C-alpha atoms as a PDB file:
ATOM      1  CA  MET A   1       7.921  -9.185   2.031  1.00  0.00           C
ATOM      2  CA  LEU A   2       8.216  -5.451   1.403  1.00  0.00           C
ATOM      3  CA  ALA A   3       7.645  -4.517   5.047  1.00  0.00           C
ATOM      4  CA  ARG A   4      10.567  -6.650   6.195  1.00  0.00           C
ATOM      5  CA  ASN A   5      12.900  -4.174   4.467  1.00  0.00           C
ATOM      6  CA  ILE A   6      11.780  -1.220   6.587  1.00  0.00           C
ATOM      7  CA  PRO A   7      14.836   0.444   8.208  1.00  0.00           C
ATOM      8  CA  PRO A   8      15.477  -1.023  11.668  1.00  0.00           C
ATOM      9  CA  ASP A   9      15.494   2.367  13.405  1.00  0.00           C
ATOM     10  CA  GLU A  10      11.851   3.103  12.505  1.00  0.00           C
ATOM     11  CA  ARG A  11       8.834   2.435  14.707  1.00  0.00           C
ATOM     12  CA  VAL A  12       6.191   0.378  12.911  1.00  0.00           C
ATOM     13  CA  VAL A  13       2.646  -0.380  14.050  1.00  0.00           C
ATOM     14  CA  THR A  14       0.909  -3.289  12.322  1.00  0.00           C
ATOM     15  CA  ILE A  15      -2.894  -3.571  12.288  1.00  0.00           C
ATOM     16  CA  GLU A  16      -4.717  -6.787  11.394  1.00  0.00           C
ATOM     17  CA  ASP A  17      -7.982  -8.631  11.992  1.00  0.00           C
ATOM     18  CA  GLN A  18      -5.907 -11.687  12.850  1.00  0.00           C
ATOM     19  CA  ALA A  19      -2.168 -11.470  13.413  1.00  0.00           C
ATOM     20  CA  GLU A  20      -0.354 -13.004  10.435  1.00  0.00           C
ATOM     21  CA  LEU A  21       2.476 -10.614   9.556  1.00  0.00           C
ATOM     22  CA  HIS A  22       4.565 -11.097  12.734  1.00  0.00           C
ATOM     23  CA  LEU A  23       6.884  -8.256  11.731  1.00  0.00           C
ATOM     24  CA  TRP A  24       8.052  -8.001  15.338  1.00  0.00           C
ATOM     25  CA  ARG A  25      10.261 -10.979  14.544  1.00  0.00           C
ATOM     26  CA  ASP A  26      12.249  -8.899  12.048  1.00  0.00           C
ATOM     27  CA  LEU A  27      11.852  -5.297  13.229  1.00  0.00           C
ATOM     28  CA  ALA A  28      13.301  -4.032  16.491  1.00  0.00           C
ATOM     29  CA  ASP A  29      10.550  -1.483  17.203  1.00  0.00           C
ATOM     30  CA  CYS A  30       7.287  -3.018  16.049  1.00  0.00           C
ATOM     31  CA  ILE A  31       3.914  -2.932  17.801  1.00  0.00           C
ATOM     32  CA  SER A  32       1.209  -5.374  16.705  1.00  0.00           C
ATOM     33  CA  LEU A  33      -2.468  -4.430  17.069  1.00  0.00           C
ATOM     34  CA  GLU A  34      -5.278  -6.897  16.432  1.00  0.00           C
ATOM     35  CA  GLY A  35      -8.974  -6.264  15.934  1.00  0.00           C
ATOM     36  CA  ARG A  36     -11.759  -8.379  17.333  1.00  0.00           C
ATOM     37  CA  PRO A  37     -15.456  -8.926  16.560  1.00  0.00           C
ATOM     38  CA  ALA A  38     -18.294  -8.051  18.892  1.00  0.00           C
ATOM     39  CA  ASN A  39     -19.322 -10.548  21.533  1.00  0.00           C
ATOM     40  CA  THR A  40     -22.666 -12.333  21.612  1.00  0.00           C
ATOM     41  CA  GLU A  41     -24.236  -9.191  23.080  1.00  0.00           C
ATOM     42  CA  GLY A  42     -22.978  -7.080  20.208  1.00  0.00           C
ATOM     43  CA  LYS A  43     -20.394  -5.307  22.362  1.00  0.00           C
ATOM     44  CA  GLY A  44     -16.635  -5.140  22.627  1.00  0.00           C
ATOM     45  CA  ALA A  45     -15.778  -4.942  18.930  1.00  0.00           C
ATOM     46  CA  ILE A  46     -12.438  -3.389  18.018  1.00  0.00           C
ATOM     47  CA  SER A  47     -12.423  -2.276  14.378  1.00  0.00           C
ATOM     48  CA  ILE A  48      -9.468  -1.646  12.107  1.00  0.00           C
ATOM     49  CA  GLN A  49     -10.522   2.005  11.963  1.00  0.00           C
ATOM     50  CA  MET A  50     -10.358   2.259  15.766  1.00  0.00           C
ATOM     51  CA  LEU A  51      -6.898   0.709  15.716  1.00  0.00           C
ATOM     52  CA  VAL A  52      -5.636   3.239  13.154  1.00  0.00           C
ATOM     53  CA  HIS A  53      -6.590   5.989  15.597  1.00  0.00           C
ATOM     54  CA  ASP A  54      -4.838   4.104  18.419  1.00  0.00           C
ATOM     55  CA  ALA A  55      -1.741   3.618  16.270  1.00  0.00           C
ATOM     56  CA  LEU A  56      -1.408   7.351  15.659  1.00  0.00           C
ATOM     57  CA  ARG A  57      -1.021   7.877  19.408  1.00  0.00           C
ATOM     58  CA  MET A  58       1.984   5.540  19.451  1.00  0.00           C
ATOM     59  CA  SER A  59       4.262   7.869  17.427  1.00  0.00           C
ATOM     60  CA  PRO A  60       4.853   5.446  14.550  1.00  0.00           C
ATOM     61  CA  ASP A  61       7.056   6.152  11.557  1.00  0.00           C
ATOM     62  CA  ARG A  62       4.911   3.807   9.471  1.00  0.00           C
ATOM     63  CA  ILE A  63       1.587   2.037   9.798  1.00  0.00           C
ATOM     64  CA  VAL A  64       1.077  -1.332   8.107  1.00  0.00           C
ATOM     65  CA  ILE A  65      -2.518  -2.560   7.669  1.00  0.00           C
ATOM     66  CA  GLY A  66      -2.904  -6.208   6.735  1.00  0.00           C
ATOM     67  CA  GLU A  67      -6.013  -5.520   4.642  1.00  0.00           C
ATOM     68  CA  VAL A  68      -8.139  -2.422   4.137  1.00  0.00           C
ATOM     69  CA  ARG A  69     -11.823  -3.251   3.683  1.00  0.00           C
ATOM     70  CA  GLY A  70     -13.680  -0.058   4.585  1.00  0.00           C
ATOM     71  CA  GLY A  71     -13.587   3.505   5.822  1.00  0.00           C
ATOM     72  CA  GLU A  72     -10.245   3.018   7.560  1.00  0.00           C
ATOM     73  CA  ALA A  73      -8.771   3.700   4.112  1.00  0.00           C
ATOM     74  CA  LEU A  74      -9.450   7.408   4.656  1.00  0.00           C
ATOM     75  CA  ASP A  75      -7.795   7.372   8.087  1.00  0.00           C
ATOM     76  CA  LEU A  76      -4.708   5.734   6.605  1.00  0.00           C
ATOM     77  CA  LEU A  77      -4.544   8.308   3.798  1.00  0.00           C
ATOM     78  CA  ASP A  78      -4.779  11.082   6.387  1.00  0.00           C
ATOM     79  CA  ALA A  79      -1.947   9.477   8.365  1.00  0.00           C
ATOM     80  CA  MET A  80       0.228   9.150   5.261  1.00  0.00           C
ATOM     81  CA  GLY A  81      -0.260  12.827   4.503  1.00  0.00           C
ATOM     82  CA  THR A  82       0.500  14.021   8.033  1.00  0.00           C
ATOM     83  CA  GLY A  83       3.852  12.599   8.994  1.00  0.00           C
ATOM     84  CA  HIS A  84       3.610   8.868   8.320  1.00  0.00           C
ATOM     85  CA  PRO A  85       4.771   8.422   4.703  1.00  0.00           C
ATOM     86  CA  GLY A  86       5.827   4.978   3.596  1.00  0.00           C
ATOM     87  CA  SER A  87       2.866   3.331   5.293  1.00  0.00           C
ATOM     88  CA  ILE A  88       1.582   0.164   3.650  1.00  0.00           C
ATOM     89  CA  CYS A  89      -1.751  -1.558   3.150  1.00  0.00           C
ATOM     90  CA  THR A  90      -3.252  -4.251   0.964  1.00  0.00           C
ATOM     91  CA  ILE A  91      -6.611  -4.185  -0.807  1.00  0.00           C
ATOM     92  CA  HIS A  92      -8.358  -6.596  -3.153  1.00  0.00           C
ATOM     93  CA  ALA A  93      -8.593  -5.458  -6.779  1.00  0.00           C
ATOM     94  CA  ASP A  94      -8.873  -7.131 -10.172  1.00  0.00           C
ATOM     95  CA  SER A  95      -5.917  -5.371 -11.812  1.00  0.00           C
ATOM     96  CA  PRO A  96      -3.288  -2.671 -11.191  1.00  0.00           C
ATOM     97  CA  ARG A  97      -5.594  -0.179 -12.919  1.00  0.00           C
ATOM     98  CA  ASP A  98      -8.414  -0.986 -10.479  1.00  0.00           C
ATOM     99  CA  THR A  99      -6.433  -0.646  -7.239  1.00  0.00           C
ATOM    100  CA  LEU A 100      -6.705   3.108  -6.700  1.00  0.00           C
ATOM    101  CA  PRO A 101     -10.372   3.483  -7.748  1.00  0.00           C
ATOM    102  CA  ARG A 102     -11.050   0.677  -5.266  1.00  0.00           C
ATOM    103  CA  LEU A 103      -9.155   2.660  -2.608  1.00  0.00           C
ATOM    104  CA  VAL A 104     -11.348   5.688  -3.365  1.00  0.00           C
ATOM    105  CA  ARG A 105     -14.529   3.654  -2.903  1.00  0.00           C
ATOM    106  CA  LEU A 106     -13.304   2.276   0.406  1.00  0.00           C
ATOM    107  CA  ALA A 107     -12.301   5.722   1.689  1.00  0.00           C
ATOM    108  CA  LEU A 108     -15.733   7.108   0.802  1.00  0.00           C
ATOM    109  CA  ARG A 109     -17.353   4.551   3.122  1.00  0.00           C
ATOM    110  CA  ASN A 110     -15.981   6.572   6.030  1.00  0.00           C
ATOM    111  CA  PRO A 111     -18.786   8.714   7.522  1.00  0.00           C
ATOM    112  CA  GLN A 112     -16.292  11.585   7.787  1.00  0.00           C
ATOM    113  CA  ALA A 113     -15.257  11.345   4.136  1.00  0.00           C
ATOM    114  CA  PRO A 114     -15.070  14.618   2.195  1.00  0.00           C
ATOM    115  CA  LYS A 115     -16.161  14.907  -1.433  1.00  0.00           C
ATOM    116  CA  GLY A 116     -14.773  12.396  -3.877  1.00  0.00           C
ATOM    117  CA  GLU A 117     -12.532  14.995  -5.526  1.00  0.00           C
ATOM    118  CA  THR A 118     -10.794  15.617  -2.204  1.00  0.00           C
ATOM    119  CA  VAL A 119     -10.170  11.903  -1.696  1.00  0.00           C
ATOM    120  CA  LEU A 120      -8.753  11.690  -5.219  1.00  0.00           C
ATOM    121  CA  GLY A 121      -6.355  14.505  -4.401  1.00  0.00           C
ATOM    122  CA  GLU A 122      -5.233  12.809  -1.189  1.00  0.00           C
ATOM    123  CA  ILE A 123      -4.439   9.604  -3.044  1.00  0.00           C
ATOM    124  CA  VAL A 124      -2.483  11.398  -5.758  1.00  0.00           C
ATOM    125  CA  HIS A 125      -0.415  13.292  -3.194  1.00  0.00           C
ATOM    126  CA  THR A 126       0.188  10.520  -0.646  1.00  0.00           C
ATOM    127  CA  VAL A 127       0.371   7.159  -2.451  1.00  0.00           C
ATOM    128  CA  ASP A 128       3.785   6.565  -3.996  1.00  0.00           C
ATOM    129  CA  LEU A 129       3.831   3.044  -5.410  1.00  0.00           C
ATOM    130  CA  VAL A 130       1.279   0.376  -6.294  1.00  0.00           C
ATOM    131  CA  LEU A 131       2.388  -3.259  -6.160  1.00  0.00           C
ATOM    132  CA  TYR A 132      -0.015  -5.801  -7.622  1.00  0.00           C
ATOM    133  CA  ALA A 133       0.088  -9.508  -6.755  1.00  0.00           C
ATOM    134  CA  GLY A 134      -1.800 -12.377  -8.311  1.00  0.00           C
ATOM    135  CA  PHE A 135      -1.461 -15.974  -9.423  1.00  0.00           C
ATOM    136  CA  SER A 136       1.003 -16.858 -12.157  1.00  0.00           C
ATOM    137  CA  ARG A 137       3.705 -19.381 -12.947  1.00  0.00           C
ATOM    138  CA  SER A 138       7.343 -18.924 -13.826  1.00  0.00           C
ATOM    139  CA  ARG A 139       8.916 -21.043 -16.544  1.00  0.00           C
ATOM    140  CA  GLY A 140       8.631 -24.661 -15.437  1.00  0.00           C
ATOM    141  CA  ALA A 141       7.235 -23.767 -12.013  1.00  0.00           C
ATOM    142  CA  ALA A 142       3.881 -24.459 -10.436  1.00  0.00           C
ATOM    143  CA  ARG A 143       1.213 -21.772 -10.395  1.00  0.00           C
ATOM    144  CA  ALA A 144       1.627 -19.594  -7.297  1.00  0.00           C
ATOM    145  CA  ARG A 145       0.874 -16.148  -5.930  1.00  0.00           C
ATOM    146  CA  ARG A 146       3.580 -13.650  -6.793  1.00  0.00           C
ATOM    147  CA  LEU A 147       4.273 -10.005  -7.511  1.00  0.00           C
ATOM    148  CA  LEU A 148       3.040  -9.170 -11.018  1.00  0.00           C
ATOM    149  CA  SER A 149       3.375  -5.404 -11.377  1.00  0.00           C
ATOM    150  CA  VAL A 150       5.055  -2.345  -9.895  1.00  0.00           C
ATOM    151  CA  GLY A 151       3.579   1.026 -10.756  1.00  0.00           C
ATOM    152  CA  THR A 152       3.269   4.594  -9.595  1.00  0.00           C
ATOM    153  CA  VAL A 153       0.438   7.087  -9.262  1.00  0.00           C
ATOM    154  CA  ALA A 154       0.161   9.155 -12.431  1.00  0.00           C
ATOM    155  CA  GLY A 155      -2.406  11.810 -11.593  1.00  0.00           C
ATOM    156  CA  ILE A 156      -6.111  11.728 -12.377  1.00  0.00           C
ATOM    157  CA  ASP A 157      -7.496  10.385 -15.656  1.00  0.00           C
ATOM    158  CA  ASP A 158     -11.192  10.794 -16.482  1.00  0.00           C
ATOM    159  CA  GLY A 159     -12.088  11.251 -12.823  1.00  0.00           C
ATOM    160  CA  ARG A 160     -10.094   8.228 -11.655  1.00  0.00           C
ATOM    161  CA  PRO A 161      -6.659   8.047 -10.014  1.00  0.00           C
ATOM    162  CA  ALA A 162      -4.387   6.561 -12.660  1.00  0.00           C
ATOM    163  CA  VAL A 163      -1.661   3.939 -12.211  1.00  0.00           C
ATOM    164  CA  GLN A 164       1.354   4.012 -14.531  1.00  0.00           C
ATOM    165  CA  GLU A 165       2.963   0.574 -14.554  1.00  0.00           C
ATOM    166  CA  LEU A 166       6.757   0.592 -14.545  1.00  0.00           C
ATOM    167  CA  VAL A 167       7.528  -3.128 -14.720  1.00  0.00           C
ATOM    168  CA  ALA A 168       5.331  -6.197 -15.065  1.00  0.00           C
ATOM    169  CA  PHE A 169       5.721  -9.965 -14.936  1.00  0.00           C
ATOM    170  CA  SER A 170       4.302 -12.335 -17.539  1.00  0.00           C
ATOM    171  CA  GLU A 171       4.516 -16.105 -17.809  1.00  0.00           C
ATOM    172  CA  ASP A 172       5.995 -15.837 -21.315  1.00  0.00           C
ATOM    173  CA  CYS A 173       8.857 -13.388 -20.777  1.00  0.00           C
ATOM    174  CA  GLY A 174       9.218 -12.852 -17.046  1.00  0.00           C
ATOM    175  CA  TRP A 175       9.890  -9.306 -15.853  1.00  0.00           C
ATOM    176  CA  HIS A 176       9.912  -6.535 -18.442  1.00  0.00           C
ATOM    177  CA  ARG A 177       9.595  -2.763 -18.559  1.00  0.00           C
ATOM    178  CA  VAL A 178       6.233  -1.324 -19.532  1.00  0.00           C
ATOM    179  CA  GLY A 179       6.630   2.298 -18.450  1.00  0.00           C
ATOM    180  CA  SER A 180       9.114   5.117 -18.110  1.00  0.00           C
ATOM    181  CA  LEU A 181      10.733   6.461 -14.973  1.00  0.00           C
ATOM    182  CA  ALA A 182       9.596   9.864 -16.202  1.00  0.00           C
ATOM    183  CA  ALA A 183       6.209   8.878 -14.749  1.00  0.00           C
ATOM    184  CA  LEU A 184       7.612   8.888 -11.217  1.00  0.00           C
ATOM    185  CA  PRO A 185       6.389  11.870  -9.187  1.00  0.00           C
ATOM    186  CA  GLU A 186       9.218  14.102  -8.013  1.00  0.00           C
ATOM    187  CA  ARG A 187       8.556  13.231  -4.362  1.00  0.00           C
ATOM    188  CA  VAL A 188       9.026   9.538  -5.181  1.00  0.00           C
ATOM    189  CA  ARG A 189      12.282  10.232  -7.019  1.00  0.00           C
ATOM    190  CA  THR A 190      13.490  12.194  -3.995  1.00  0.00           C
ATOM    191  CA  LYS A 191      12.732   9.289  -1.672  1.00  0.00           C
ATOM    192  CA  LEU A 192      14.380   6.767  -3.987  1.00  0.00           C
ATOM    193  CA  ALA A 193      17.481   8.945  -4.201  1.00  0.00           C
ATOM    194  CA  ARG A 194      18.107   8.257  -0.514  1.00  0.00           C
ATOM    195  CA  VAL A 195      18.822   4.604  -1.262  1.00  0.00           C
ATOM    196  CA  THR A 196      19.573   4.337  -4.990  1.00  0.00           C
ATOM    197  CA  ASP A 197      19.952   6.261  -8.240  1.00  0.00           C
ATOM    198  CA  PRO A 198      16.338   6.724  -9.413  1.00  0.00           C
ATOM    199  CA  ASP A 199      17.424   6.688 -13.060  1.00  0.00           C
ATOM    200  CA  ARG A 200      18.865   3.182 -12.600  1.00  0.00           C
ATOM    201  CA  LEU A 201      15.900   1.791 -10.716  1.00  0.00           C
ATOM    202  CA  LEU A 202      14.826  -0.422 -13.610  1.00  0.00           C
ATOM    203  CA  ASP A 203      18.309  -1.671 -14.516  1.00  0.00           C
ATOM    204  CA  GLY A 204      18.182  -5.435 -14.859  1.00  0.00           C
ATOM    205  CA  PHE A 205      14.694  -5.502 -16.338  1.00  0.00           C
ATOM    206  CA  ASP A 206      14.295  -6.276 -20.014  1.00  0.00           C
ATOM    207  CA  ALA A 207      13.694  -3.199 -22.181  1.00  0.00           C
END
């Protein structure tokens, strides 16, 4: 899991409807927050959006949301742009291309959402990488959920935030390159340079 590779000296707050990640087992400074539905009287609900606000008061380095389903997407984008880069969330989408437009639609469900163009700009300037998972099978293996694509945000195309795939997995040929590292935003290259040579990031993948 990507989140299990977060540096051990960082404070992480996880937010879920039901606790499943259990990152506290692997990370020294991890706080787990869990939402809850309203009671039979319609009271006492704790939403994911409320927990994002609570998390920001805990001085986290990163926020990890198990699944974004609504207006909390905007709160997470705001957090990522104001001192909490490297935060992580999952959303349901049909393809890598559809992930960021889906994120826009979710963010716009927030009653405090600005115009769509502003949300687009936030995504372009705060989201670094898009990882897409789905069902596939490796050679000779049973069909299973796995990582299928790694891409980056490549600006706005026809009013939609665009994803430039870098590498993809197929059942026929495994992992292969589909994009150029030239598509990486400079801020992403700078972050990668802290741990590896950005120009060698795709070494080991078929050309």
